[in-house]
Amino acid sequence: EDVLLLTTPDGVFEYHVEWLAIVDPGRTDVVAPTDEPRLTLVTCYPFEYIGRAPLRYVVRARFVERPEPDV
């Protein structure tokens, strides 16, 4: 299971990758709101393409609640 760590001024947030997809640019459903915290990353595909890439690479990950650190 791949893990993504997102660092913000509010702290570090852990996400586990649920799925990857290669989709047409018009597929807006992949960035639609979800019922639970999710992280969606979208970039052009193929990665080495120069100019307007014909597809999009999408990564969807779910938030993992982290326990409070022991003091």
N, C-alpha and C. Protein backbone atom coordinates (compact mmCIF):
# COMPACT_ATOMS: atom_id res chain seq x y z
N GLU A 1 0.86 -1.18 0.00
CA GLU A 1 0.00 0.00 0.00
C GLU A 1 0.91 1.24 0.00
N ASP A 2 0.77 2.07 -1.01
CA ASP A 2 1.58 3.28 -1.11
C ASP A 2 1.05 4.35 -0.16
N VAL A 3 1.96 5.07 0.45
CA VAL A 3 1.63 6.11 1.41
C VAL A 3 2.08 7.46 0.86
N LEU A 4 1.22 8.46 1.01
CA LEU A 4 1.55 9.84 0.66
C LEU A 4 1.55 10.66 1.94
N LEU A 5 2.57 11.46 2.14
CA LEU A 5 2.62 12.38 3.28
C LEU A 5 2.51 13.79 2.74
N LEU A 6 1.48 14.50 3.17
CA LEU A 6 1.23 15.87 2.74
C LEU A 6 1.60 16.80 3.89
N THR A 7 2.60 17.65 3.67
CA THR A 7 3.06 18.57 4.71
C THR A 7 2.50 19.96 4.44
N THR A 8 1.82 20.52 5.43
CA THR A 8 1.24 21.86 5.34
C THR A 8 1.63 22.62 6.60
N PRO A 9 1.32 23.93 6.66
CA PRO A 9 1.58 24.67 7.90
C PRO A 9 0.81 24.09 9.10
N ASP A 10 -0.27 23.34 8.84
CA ASP A 10 -1.06 22.74 9.91
C ASP A 10 -0.54 21.38 10.36
N GLY A 11 0.49 20.86 9.72
CA GLY A 11 1.04 19.57 10.11
C GLY A 11 1.25 18.65 8.94
N VAL A 12 1.56 17.39 9.27
CA VAL A 12 1.78 16.34 8.27
C VAL A 12 0.57 15.43 8.27
N PHE A 13 0.03 15.17 7.08
CA PHE A 13 -1.17 14.35 6.93
C PHE A 13 -0.84 13.13 6.09
N GLU A 14 -1.27 11.97 6.56
CA GLU A 14 -0.97 10.71 5.89
C GLU A 14 -2.18 10.22 5.09
N TYR A 15 -1.90 9.81 3.86
CA TYR A 15 -2.92 9.26 2.97
C TYR A 15 -2.42 7.95 2.40
N HIS A 16 -3.33 7.00 2.18
CA HIS A 16 -3.00 5.73 1.54
C HIS A 16 -3.65 5.70 0.17
N VAL A 17 -2.87 5.35 -0.85
CA VAL A 17 -3.37 5.33 -2.23
C VAL A 17 -4.43 4.25 -2.38
N GLU A 18 -5.58 4.65 -2.91
CA GLU A 18 -6.68 3.71 -3.18
C GLU A 18 -6.64 3.21 -4.61
N TRP A 19 -6.42 4.13 -5.53
CA TRP A 19 -6.38 3.74 -6.95
C TRP A 19 -5.64 4.76 -7.79
N LEU A 20 -5.22 4.29 -8.96
CA LEU A 20 -4.57 5.10 -9.99
C LEU A 20 -5.39 4.91 -11.26
N ALA A 21 -5.45 5.96 -12.08
CA ALA A 21 -6.19 5.83 -13.34
C ALA A 21 -5.59 6.77 -14.38
N ILE A 22 -5.71 6.37 -15.63
CA ILE A 22 -5.37 7.23 -16.75
C ILE A 22 -6.69 7.50 -17.47
N VAL A 23 -7.05 8.79 -17.57
CA VAL A 23 -8.38 9.16 -18.07
C VAL A 23 -8.28 10.27 -19.11
N ASP A 24 -9.37 10.47 -19.84
CA ASP A 24 -9.47 11.59 -20.77
C ASP A 24 -9.57 12.89 -19.98
N PRO A 25 -9.10 14.02 -20.54
CA PRO A 25 -9.14 15.30 -19.81
C PRO A 25 -10.55 15.73 -19.40
N GLY A 26 -11.57 15.28 -20.10
CA GLY A 26 -12.94 15.67 -19.78
C GLY A 26 -13.55 14.94 -18.60
N ARG A 27 -12.86 13.97 -18.03
CA ARG A 27 -13.38 13.19 -16.90
C ARG A 27 -13.30 13.99 -15.61
N THR A 28 -14.28 14.84 -15.37
CA THR A 28 -14.29 15.66 -14.16
C THR A 28 -14.81 14.90 -12.95
N ASP A 29 -15.41 13.72 -13.15
CA ASP A 29 -15.92 12.96 -12.01
C ASP A 29 -14.80 12.51 -11.07
N VAL A 30 -13.58 12.42 -11.57
CA VAL A 30 -12.48 11.98 -10.72
C VAL A 30 -12.09 13.02 -9.67
N VAL A 31 -12.55 14.25 -9.83
CA VAL A 31 -12.28 15.30 -8.84
C VAL A 31 -13.55 15.76 -8.13
N ALA A 32 -14.61 14.98 -8.26
CA ALA A 32 -15.88 15.31 -7.60
C ALA A 32 -15.73 15.17 -6.08
N PRO A 33 -16.52 15.91 -5.31
CA PRO A 33 -16.48 15.79 -3.84
C PRO A 33 -16.75 14.35 -3.40
N THR A 34 -16.18 13.99 -2.25
CA THR A 34 -16.37 12.65 -1.68
C THR A 34 -16.96 12.77 -0.28
N ASP A 35 -17.51 11.67 0.21
CA ASP A 35 -18.13 11.65 1.54
C ASP A 35 -17.10 11.67 2.66
N GLU A 36 -15.91 11.18 2.39
CA GLU A 36 -14.85 11.10 3.39
C GLU A 36 -13.62 11.83 2.87
N PRO A 37 -12.70 12.23 3.75
CA PRO A 37 -11.51 12.95 3.30
C PRO A 37 -10.69 12.14 2.29
N ARG A 38 -10.44 12.72 1.15
CA ARG A 38 -9.66 12.10 0.09
C ARG A 38 -8.71 13.14 -0.48
N LEU A 39 -7.62 12.66 -1.04
CA LEU A 39 -6.66 13.49 -1.74
C LEU A 39 -6.65 13.01 -3.18
N THR A 40 -6.83 13.93 -4.13
CA THR A 40 -6.81 13.58 -5.54
C THR A 40 -5.72 14.39 -6.22
N LEU A 41 -4.78 13.69 -6.84
CA LEU A 41 -3.69 14.32 -7.58
C LEU A 41 -3.92 14.06 -9.06
N VAL A 42 -3.78 15.10 -9.87
CA VAL A 42 -3.99 14.97 -11.32
C VAL A 42 -2.83 15.63 -12.03
N THR A 43 -2.28 14.94 -13.03
CA THR A 43 -1.22 15.52 -13.86
C THR A 43 -1.40 15.05 -15.30
N CYS A 44 -0.68 15.68 -16.19
CA CYS A 44 -0.77 15.32 -17.61
C CYS A 44 -0.09 13.97 -17.86
N TYR A 45 -0.60 13.26 -18.88
CA TYR A 45 -0.06 11.95 -19.23
C TYR A 45 -0.14 11.78 -20.73
N PRO A 46 0.84 11.18 -21.37
CA PRO A 46 2.04 10.57 -20.84
C PRO A 46 2.99 11.62 -20.26
N PHE A 47 3.77 11.21 -19.27
CA PHE A 47 4.62 12.13 -18.53
C PHE A 47 5.65 12.82 -19.42
N GLU A 48 6.18 12.11 -20.40
CA GLU A 48 7.23 12.68 -21.25
C GLU A 48 6.69 13.47 -22.44
N TYR A 49 5.38 13.61 -22.52
CA TYR A 49 4.74 14.30 -23.65
C TYR A 49 5.10 15.78 -23.65
N ILE A 50 5.40 16.33 -24.81
CA ILE A 50 5.68 17.76 -24.96
C ILE A 50 4.45 18.40 -25.61
N GLY A 51 3.93 19.47 -25.01
CA GLY A 51 2.73 20.11 -25.54
C GLY A 51 1.50 19.67 -24.77
N ARG A 52 0.34 19.78 -25.40
CA ARG A 52 -0.93 19.41 -24.76
C ARG A 52 -1.07 17.90 -24.68
N ALA A 53 -0.86 17.36 -23.52
CA ALA A 53 -0.94 15.91 -23.34
C ALA A 53 -2.37 15.44 -23.55
N PRO A 54 -2.55 14.28 -24.18
CA PRO A 54 -3.89 13.81 -24.50
C PRO A 54 -4.65 13.17 -23.34
N LEU A 55 -3.97 12.83 -22.26
CA LEU A 55 -4.62 12.12 -21.15
C LEU A 55 -4.23 12.74 -19.81
N ARG A 56 -4.88 12.25 -18.74
CA ARG A 56 -4.55 12.68 -17.39
C ARG A 56 -4.28 11.45 -16.53
N TYR A 57 -3.30 11.58 -15.64
CA TYR A 57 -2.95 10.53 -14.68
C TYR A 57 -3.51 10.97 -13.34
N VAL A 58 -4.32 10.12 -12.73
CA VAL A 58 -5.03 10.48 -11.49
C VAL A 58 -4.64 9.51 -10.38
N VAL A 59 -4.34 10.08 -9.21
CA VAL A 59 -4.05 9.29 -8.00
C VAL A 59 -5.10 9.67 -6.96
N ARG A 60 -5.80 8.69 -6.42
CA ARG A 60 -6.79 8.94 -5.36
C ARG A 60 -6.30 8.26 -4.10
N ALA A 61 -6.28 9.00 -2.99
CA ALA A 61 -5.80 8.46 -1.71
C ALA A 61 -6.77 8.83 -0.60
N ARG A 62 -6.87 7.95 0.39
CA ARG A 62 -7.77 8.19 1.54
C ARG A 62 -6.96 8.66 2.74
N PHE A 63 -7.56 9.54 3.50
CA PHE A 63 -6.92 10.07 4.70
C PHE A 63 -6.82 8.99 5.76
N VAL A 64 -5.68 8.95 6.46
CA VAL A 64 -5.48 8.00 7.56
C VAL A 64 -5.35 8.82 8.83
N GLU A 65 -6.24 8.55 9.78
CA GLU A 65 -6.15 9.26 11.06
C GLU A 65 -4.95 8.73 11.82
N ARG A 66 -4.12 9.66 12.24
CA ARG A 66 -2.91 9.26 12.96
C ARG A 66 -3.15 9.40 14.45
N PRO A 67 -2.71 8.42 15.23
CA PRO A 67 -2.87 8.53 16.69
C PRO A 67 -2.02 9.66 17.23
N GLU A 68 -2.44 10.20 18.35
CA GLU A 68 -1.66 11.23 19.03
C GLU A 68 -0.33 10.65 19.46
N PRO A 69 0.76 11.39 19.27
CA PRO A 69 2.07 10.85 19.69
C PRO A 69 2.14 10.71 21.21
N ASP A 70 2.89 9.70 21.67
CA ASP A 70 3.10 9.52 23.10
C ASP A 70 3.98 10.65 23.62
N VAL A 71 3.59 11.17 24.78
CA VAL A 71 4.37 12.28 25.36
C VAL A 71 5.24 11.78 26.48
